[in-house]
Amino acid sequence: MAGRIFSHRRRVIINSDAKNEADDQFAIVHALLSPSLDIRGLIPAHFGNRRTRHSLEESRAEIELLLRLMKLEGQVPVADGAPYALPDAGTPVPSPGAELIIEEAMREGAEPLYVAFLGPLTDMASALLLEPRIAERDVTVIWIGGGGYDGRGPQDGRPEFNLSNDIVAANLVFSSALKVWQVPAPTYRMMAVGYAELDAKVAPCGEIGEYLVRQLVEWNERRHRGSIEFRVLGDSPAIGLMLHPDCGTWVERPAPNFRYDGTLDFSSANRPIRTYDSIDARFIHEDFFAKLRAFADGAGR
């Protein structure tokens, strides 16, 4: 980390429903610690109203907490996303976050833009409705969401969580001309990590490390019955793919549309997207652990 200088840094926006559960936090910190990523902004996102009536505000507070713990207040732009899902396919929900996406996408002469969505696609769909020309720009959307393909879709009649919080937005993005890399649920579930490894490699790394592990364990204790000593860091593949796009296997397939229950509809002739069917958890976890340790060591000097 220290001393690494990159002449060409990848422009990145992170859109996160950060207080939805306990894995967004790891992905956000990983992105902030990666010197080859030029973080143009963090966008707090809603995560519906099933768990809280203030999901956007809670995501904003969590992002601000992470920045405080890393002593990065005021150094990274934070622009609120939409407070709720799109009401229909023709109506955007304007927000500072959507405007940030448009501004960066339309910036002339800049490096390609990568926008990572760790929750619903509301703000990407709104940006697209507000400024359709962004579909023609060099923008890659990386989305953690949706069910699997080839029979690995939802089995319980319910859509995957990130998809469920704005199916309309997902359909708008998937039917557009935007470049999309999707990490569906069966793939992001490959990102499990145990308490023993977190206690050894994350918790000792200063205030931010202690907080990351504590909030993860607290989440598990609130949400799970019985004993559990692991967590799937399902949002972290979005960061891994920006660092190393081939840290997983992928195929190109026509983009589906999504039915209300999350199942896939291939009846429309949408353009191909990249869908990842495996991910290199070792690369992503170990890269994060090493960067966090270097950050903690540097802060302690």
Protein backbone atom coordinates (compact mmCIF):
# COMPACT_ATOMS: atom_id res chain seq x y z
CA MET A 1 0.00 0.00 0.00
CA ALA A 2 2.39 2.69 1.19
CA GLY A 3 4.67 3.76 -1.64
CA ARG A 4 2.54 2.21 -4.37
CA ILE A 5 1.92 4.77 -7.14
CA PHE A 6 -0.43 4.02 -10.04
CA SER A 7 -0.26 6.21 -13.13
CA HIS A 8 -3.66 4.95 -14.28
CA ARG A 9 -6.22 4.47 -11.54
CA ARG A 10 -9.63 2.99 -12.17
CA ARG A 11 -12.48 5.47 -11.60
CA VAL A 12 -14.97 3.94 -9.18
CA ILE A 13 -18.29 4.75 -7.54
CA ILE A 14 -19.60 2.50 -4.77
CA ASN A 15 -23.38 2.35 -4.27
CA SER A 16 -24.19 0.57 -1.01
CA ASP A 17 -27.16 -0.28 1.20
CA ALA A 18 -24.53 -0.18 3.90
CA LYS A 19 -26.66 -0.88 6.97
CA ASN A 20 -28.68 -3.66 5.37
CA GLU A 21 -26.46 -6.27 7.01
CA ALA A 22 -22.80 -6.89 7.84
CA ASP A 23 -20.90 -7.40 4.57
CA ASP A 24 -21.17 -4.04 2.78
CA GLN A 25 -18.82 -2.61 5.38
CA PHE A 26 -16.00 -4.98 4.40
CA ALA A 27 -16.42 -4.16 0.69
CA ILE A 28 -16.42 -0.41 1.27
CA VAL A 29 -13.29 -0.53 3.42
CA HIS A 30 -11.57 -2.80 0.88
CA ALA A 31 -12.29 -0.29 -1.89
CA LEU A 32 -11.01 2.63 0.19
CA LEU A 33 -7.79 0.74 0.94
CA SER A 34 -7.06 -0.14 -2.71
CA PRO A 35 -4.62 2.40 -4.19
CA SER A 36 -5.37 1.50 -7.82
CA LEU A 37 -9.01 2.56 -7.34
CA ASP A 38 -9.88 6.24 -7.66
CA ILE A 39 -13.00 6.43 -5.49
CA ARG A 40 -15.09 9.20 -7.01
CA GLY A 41 -17.84 8.83 -4.47
CA LEU A 42 -19.81 6.65 -2.09
CA ILE A 43 -23.59 6.55 -2.59
CA PRO A 44 -25.72 5.41 0.37
CA ALA A 45 -28.67 3.37 -0.92
CA HIS A 46 -32.06 2.35 0.41
CA PHE A 47 -32.87 -1.28 1.15
CA GLY A 48 -36.64 -1.20 1.13
CA ASN A 49 -38.88 -0.81 4.14
CA ARG A 50 -39.22 -4.34 5.48
CA ARG A 51 -36.55 -3.87 8.16
CA THR A 52 -36.78 -0.11 8.76
CA ARG A 53 -38.57 2.97 7.48
CA HIS A 54 -35.28 4.88 7.30
CA SER A 55 -33.02 2.60 5.28
CA LEU A 56 -31.33 5.35 3.27
CA GLU A 57 -30.56 7.38 6.39
CA GLU A 58 -29.17 4.30 8.12
CA SER A 59 -26.94 3.52 5.13
CA ARG A 60 -25.66 7.11 5.17
CA ALA A 61 -24.89 6.96 8.89
CA GLU A 62 -23.01 3.66 8.46
CA ILE A 63 -20.86 5.02 5.63
CA GLU A 64 -20.04 8.12 7.67
CA LEU A 65 -19.09 5.90 10.63
CA LEU A 66 -16.69 3.86 8.48
CA LEU A 67 -15.04 7.04 7.21
CA ARG A 68 -14.65 8.34 10.77
CA LEU A 69 -13.11 5.11 11.97
CA MET A 70 -10.63 5.27 9.07
CA LYS A 71 -9.93 8.98 9.68
CA LEU A 72 -11.15 9.77 6.15
CA GLU A 73 -13.92 12.27 6.95
CA GLY A 74 -14.19 14.88 4.23
CA GLN A 75 -11.78 13.04 1.92
CA VAL A 76 -14.33 10.97 -0.03
CA PRO A 77 -17.52 12.45 -1.54
CA VAL A 78 -20.74 10.96 -0.13
CA ALA A 79 -23.91 11.59 -2.14
CA ASP A 80 -27.26 10.19 -1.03
CA GLY A 81 -29.10 7.90 -3.39
CA ALA A 82 -32.85 7.51 -3.75
CA PRO A 83 -34.82 6.92 -0.55
CA TYR A 84 -37.13 4.39 -2.23
CA ALA A 85 -37.53 2.20 -5.30
CA LEU A 86 -38.66 3.42 -8.71
CA PRO A 87 -42.46 3.81 -8.78
CA ASP A 88 -42.60 2.64 -12.41
CA ALA A 89 -40.39 2.11 -15.46
CA GLY A 90 -40.76 5.68 -16.71
CA THR A 91 -40.23 7.65 -13.49
CA PRO A 92 -36.75 8.22 -12.05
CA VAL A 93 -36.15 9.04 -8.40
CA PRO A 94 -33.73 11.99 -8.65
CA SER A 95 -30.99 12.16 -6.05
CA PRO A 96 -27.47 13.55 -5.53
CA GLY A 97 -26.22 9.99 -6.03
CA ALA A 98 -27.84 9.66 -9.45
CA GLU A 99 -26.39 13.06 -10.39
CA LEU A 100 -22.93 11.89 -9.32
CA ILE A 101 -23.22 8.85 -11.60
CA ILE A 102 -24.29 11.06 -14.50
CA GLU A 103 -21.51 13.58 -13.89
CA GLU A 104 -18.81 10.92 -13.80
CA ALA A 105 -20.24 8.96 -16.73
CA MET A 106 -20.39 12.05 -18.94
CA ARG A 107 -16.95 13.37 -17.98
CA GLU A 108 -14.94 13.89 -21.17
CA GLY A 109 -11.49 12.39 -21.58
CA ALA A 110 -11.64 10.41 -18.35
CA GLU A 111 -10.71 6.83 -17.60
CA PRO A 112 -13.49 4.22 -17.86
CA LEU A 113 -15.99 4.34 -15.00
CA TYR A 114 -16.95 1.36 -12.83
CA VAL A 115 -20.07 1.65 -10.67
CA ALA A 116 -20.43 -1.11 -8.08
CA PHE A 117 -23.92 -1.77 -6.73
CA LEU A 118 -24.01 -3.69 -3.46
CA GLY A 119 -27.80 -3.32 -3.16
CA PRO A 120 -30.65 -2.37 -5.49
CA LEU A 121 -30.08 -0.79 -8.91
CA THR A 122 -32.37 2.18 -8.21
CA ASP A 123 -29.76 4.90 -8.67
CA MET A 124 -28.35 3.44 -11.89
CA ALA A 125 -31.83 3.18 -13.39
CA SER A 126 -32.66 6.72 -12.29
CA ALA A 127 -29.43 8.05 -13.80
CA LEU A 128 -30.25 6.25 -17.03
CA LEU A 129 -33.75 7.75 -17.16
CA LEU A 130 -32.44 11.23 -16.34
CA GLU A 131 -29.57 11.06 -18.88
CA PRO A 132 -30.01 8.25 -21.44
CA ARG A 133 -26.67 9.09 -23.10
CA ILE A 134 -24.77 7.41 -20.27
CA ALA A 135 -25.66 4.07 -21.90
CA GLU A 136 -23.29 5.06 -24.72
CA ARG A 137 -20.39 5.91 -22.41
CA ASP A 138 -17.56 3.67 -21.15
CA VAL A 139 -19.36 2.64 -17.98
CA THR A 140 -19.37 -0.81 -16.40
CA VAL A 141 -22.05 -1.66 -13.85
CA ILE A 142 -21.02 -4.38 -11.39
CA TRP A 143 -24.07 -5.71 -9.56
CA ILE A 144 -24.18 -8.03 -6.58
CA GLY A 145 -27.67 -9.40 -6.99
CA GLY A 146 -30.21 -11.62 -8.65
CA GLY A 147 -30.70 -15.35 -8.54
CA GLY A 148 -28.60 -17.89 -10.38
CA TYR A 149 -28.82 -19.31 -13.87
CA ASP A 150 -29.13 -22.84 -15.21
CA GLY A 151 -31.54 -23.99 -12.56
CA ARG A 152 -29.84 -22.18 -9.68
CA GLY A 153 -32.51 -19.51 -9.34
CA PRO A 154 -34.84 -18.84 -6.40
CA GLN A 155 -36.34 -22.02 -4.98
CA ASP A 156 -38.68 -20.48 -2.42
CA GLY A 157 -40.80 -18.25 -4.67
CA ARG A 158 -39.03 -15.09 -3.45
CA PRO A 159 -36.56 -12.96 -5.38
CA GLU A 160 -32.99 -12.47 -4.17
CA PHE A 161 -32.85 -9.62 -1.62
CA ASN A 162 -31.06 -6.91 -3.65
CA LEU A 163 -33.26 -7.64 -6.64
CA SER A 164 -36.41 -7.61 -4.52
CA ASN A 165 -35.80 -4.05 -3.38
CA ASP A 166 -36.24 -2.69 -6.92
CA ILE A 167 -37.20 -5.16 -9.65
CA VAL A 168 -38.30 -2.29 -11.90
CA ALA A 169 -34.81 -0.74 -11.75
CA ALA A 170 -33.13 -4.07 -12.43
CA ASN A 171 -35.24 -4.56 -15.54
CA LEU A 172 -34.41 -1.07 -16.79
CA VAL A 173 -30.67 -1.61 -16.37
CA PHE A 174 -30.69 -5.13 -17.80
CA SER A 175 -32.68 -4.10 -20.87
CA SER A 176 -30.42 -1.10 -21.55
CA ALA A 177 -27.19 -0.93 -23.58
CA LEU A 178 -25.05 -0.53 -20.43
CA LYS A 179 -22.17 -2.93 -19.87
CA VAL A 180 -23.15 -5.13 -16.90
CA TRP A 181 -21.16 -7.64 -14.86
CA GLN A 182 -23.51 -9.57 -12.58
CA VAL A 183 -22.52 -11.60 -9.52
CA PRO A 184 -25.66 -13.61 -8.72
CA ALA A 185 -26.50 -15.18 -5.37
CA PRO A 186 -25.00 -18.67 -5.90
CA THR A 187 -21.68 -17.00 -6.76
CA TYR A 188 -21.51 -14.37 -4.04
CA ARG A 189 -22.35 -17.06 -1.48
CA MET A 190 -18.90 -18.53 -2.17
CA MET A 191 -17.40 -15.70 -0.07
CA ALA A 192 -17.75 -17.30 3.38
CA VAL A 193 -15.21 -16.47 6.09
CA GLY A 194 -15.06 -17.90 9.63
CA TYR A 195 -14.90 -16.13 12.96
CA ALA A 196 -11.48 -17.63 13.71
CA GLU A 197 -9.97 -16.05 10.61
CA LEU A 198 -11.71 -12.74 11.26
CA ASP A 199 -10.46 -12.72 14.86
CA ALA A 200 -6.92 -13.41 13.67
CA LYS A 201 -6.71 -11.16 10.61
CA VAL A 202 -9.28 -8.36 10.97
CA ALA A 203 -10.17 -7.68 14.61
CA PRO A 204 -6.59 -6.72 15.66
CA CYS A 205 -6.38 -4.06 12.92
CA GLY A 206 -7.26 -0.93 14.85
CA GLU A 207 -10.66 0.65 15.43
CA ILE A 208 -11.93 -0.19 11.98
CA GLY A 209 -10.93 -3.85 12.22
CA GLU A 210 -12.47 -4.26 15.66
CA TYR A 211 -15.70 -2.64 14.46
CA LEU A 212 -15.96 -4.74 11.31
CA VAL A 213 -15.80 -8.00 13.26
CA ARG A 214 -17.96 -6.82 16.16
CA GLN A 215 -20.81 -5.61 13.97
CA LEU A 216 -20.68 -8.84 11.95
CA VAL A 217 -20.95 -11.03 15.05
CA GLU A 218 -23.71 -8.84 16.47
CA TRP A 219 -25.64 -9.13 13.20
CA ASN A 220 -25.39 -12.92 13.27
CA GLU A 221 -26.55 -13.06 16.87
CA ARG A 222 -29.59 -10.92 16.09
CA ARG A 223 -30.60 -12.63 12.86
CA HIS A 224 -29.69 -16.31 13.21
CA ARG A 225 -31.05 -19.04 15.43
CA GLY A 226 -28.64 -21.59 16.78
CA SER A 227 -24.87 -21.56 16.63
CA ILE A 228 -23.05 -19.90 13.74
CA GLU A 229 -19.39 -18.91 13.35
CA PHE A 230 -19.10 -17.63 9.78
CA ARG A 231 -20.44 -14.92 7.51
CA VAL A 232 -20.65 -14.65 3.75
CA LEU A 233 -18.97 -11.40 2.65
CA GLY A 234 -21.12 -11.40 -0.46
CA ASP A 235 -20.51 -7.81 -1.53
CA SER A 236 -16.72 -8.11 -1.67
CA PRO A 237 -16.64 -9.69 -5.18
CA ALA A 238 -17.57 -6.26 -6.58
CA ILE A 239 -14.25 -4.92 -5.29
CA GLY A 240 -12.30 -7.99 -6.33
CA LEU A 241 -13.57 -7.71 -9.90
CA MET A 242 -12.53 -4.07 -10.14
CA LEU A 243 -9.05 -5.06 -9.03
CA HIS A 244 -8.86 -8.24 -11.14
CA PRO A 245 -11.75 -8.80 -13.60
CA ASP A 246 -10.73 -12.43 -14.13
CA CYS A 247 -10.76 -13.41 -10.45
CA GLY A 248 -13.71 -15.61 -11.29
CA THR A 249 -15.14 -17.53 -14.20
CA TRP A 250 -17.83 -15.93 -16.28
CA VAL A 251 -19.95 -16.39 -19.37
CA GLU A 252 -21.74 -13.94 -21.61
CA ARG A 253 -25.45 -14.52 -22.02
CA PRO A 254 -28.41 -12.40 -23.14
CA ALA A 255 -29.54 -10.23 -20.27
CA PRO A 256 -32.78 -11.51 -18.78
CA ASN A 257 -35.68 -9.58 -17.42
CA PHE A 258 -36.97 -10.39 -13.95
CA ARG A 259 -40.48 -11.48 -13.03
CA TYR A 260 -42.06 -10.38 -9.75
CA ASP A 261 -40.88 -13.60 -8.04
CA GLY A 262 -37.28 -13.15 -9.19
CA THR A 263 -37.37 -15.81 -11.89
CA LEU A 264 -35.77 -15.06 -15.24
CA ASP A 265 -37.55 -14.08 -18.44
CA PHE A 266 -35.52 -14.42 -21.65
CA SER A 267 -38.35 -13.52 -24.02
CA SER A 268 -36.86 -10.09 -24.82
CA ALA A 269 -33.86 -9.78 -27.13
CA ASN A 270 -31.57 -7.92 -24.71
CA ARG A 271 -27.84 -7.46 -25.33
CA PRO A 272 -25.38 -9.88 -23.68
CA ILE A 273 -24.06 -9.26 -20.18
CA ARG A 274 -21.26 -10.93 -18.21
CA THR A 275 -22.45 -13.26 -15.44
CA TYR A 276 -19.97 -14.75 -12.98
CA ASP A 277 -20.50 -18.37 -11.97
CA SER A 278 -17.48 -18.63 -9.64
CA ILE A 279 -15.29 -16.22 -7.70
CA ASP A 280 -11.77 -16.42 -6.25
CA ALA A 281 -12.54 -15.93 -2.56
CA ARG A 282 -8.89 -16.52 -1.59
CA PHE A 283 -7.64 -13.61 -3.71
CA ILE A 284 -10.32 -11.22 -2.48
CA HIS A 285 -10.13 -12.11 1.22
CA GLU A 286 -6.33 -12.17 1.38
CA ASP A 287 -5.99 -8.90 -0.55
CA PHE A 288 -8.33 -7.26 1.96
CA PHE A 289 -6.60 -8.76 5.01
CA ALA A 290 -3.17 -7.60 3.81
CA LYS A 291 -4.33 -4.07 3.00
CA LEU A 292 -6.14 -3.71 6.32
CA ARG A 293 -3.05 -4.84 8.23
CA ALA A 294 -0.86 -2.37 6.32
CA PHE A 295 -3.38 0.40 7.04
CA ALA A 296 -3.47 -0.42 10.75
CA ASP A 297 0.32 -0.61 10.95
CA GLY A 298 0.64 2.75 9.23
CA ALA A 299 -1.94 4.38 11.51
CA GLY A 300 -0.04 3.13 14.55
CA ARG A 301 3.21 4.82 13.62
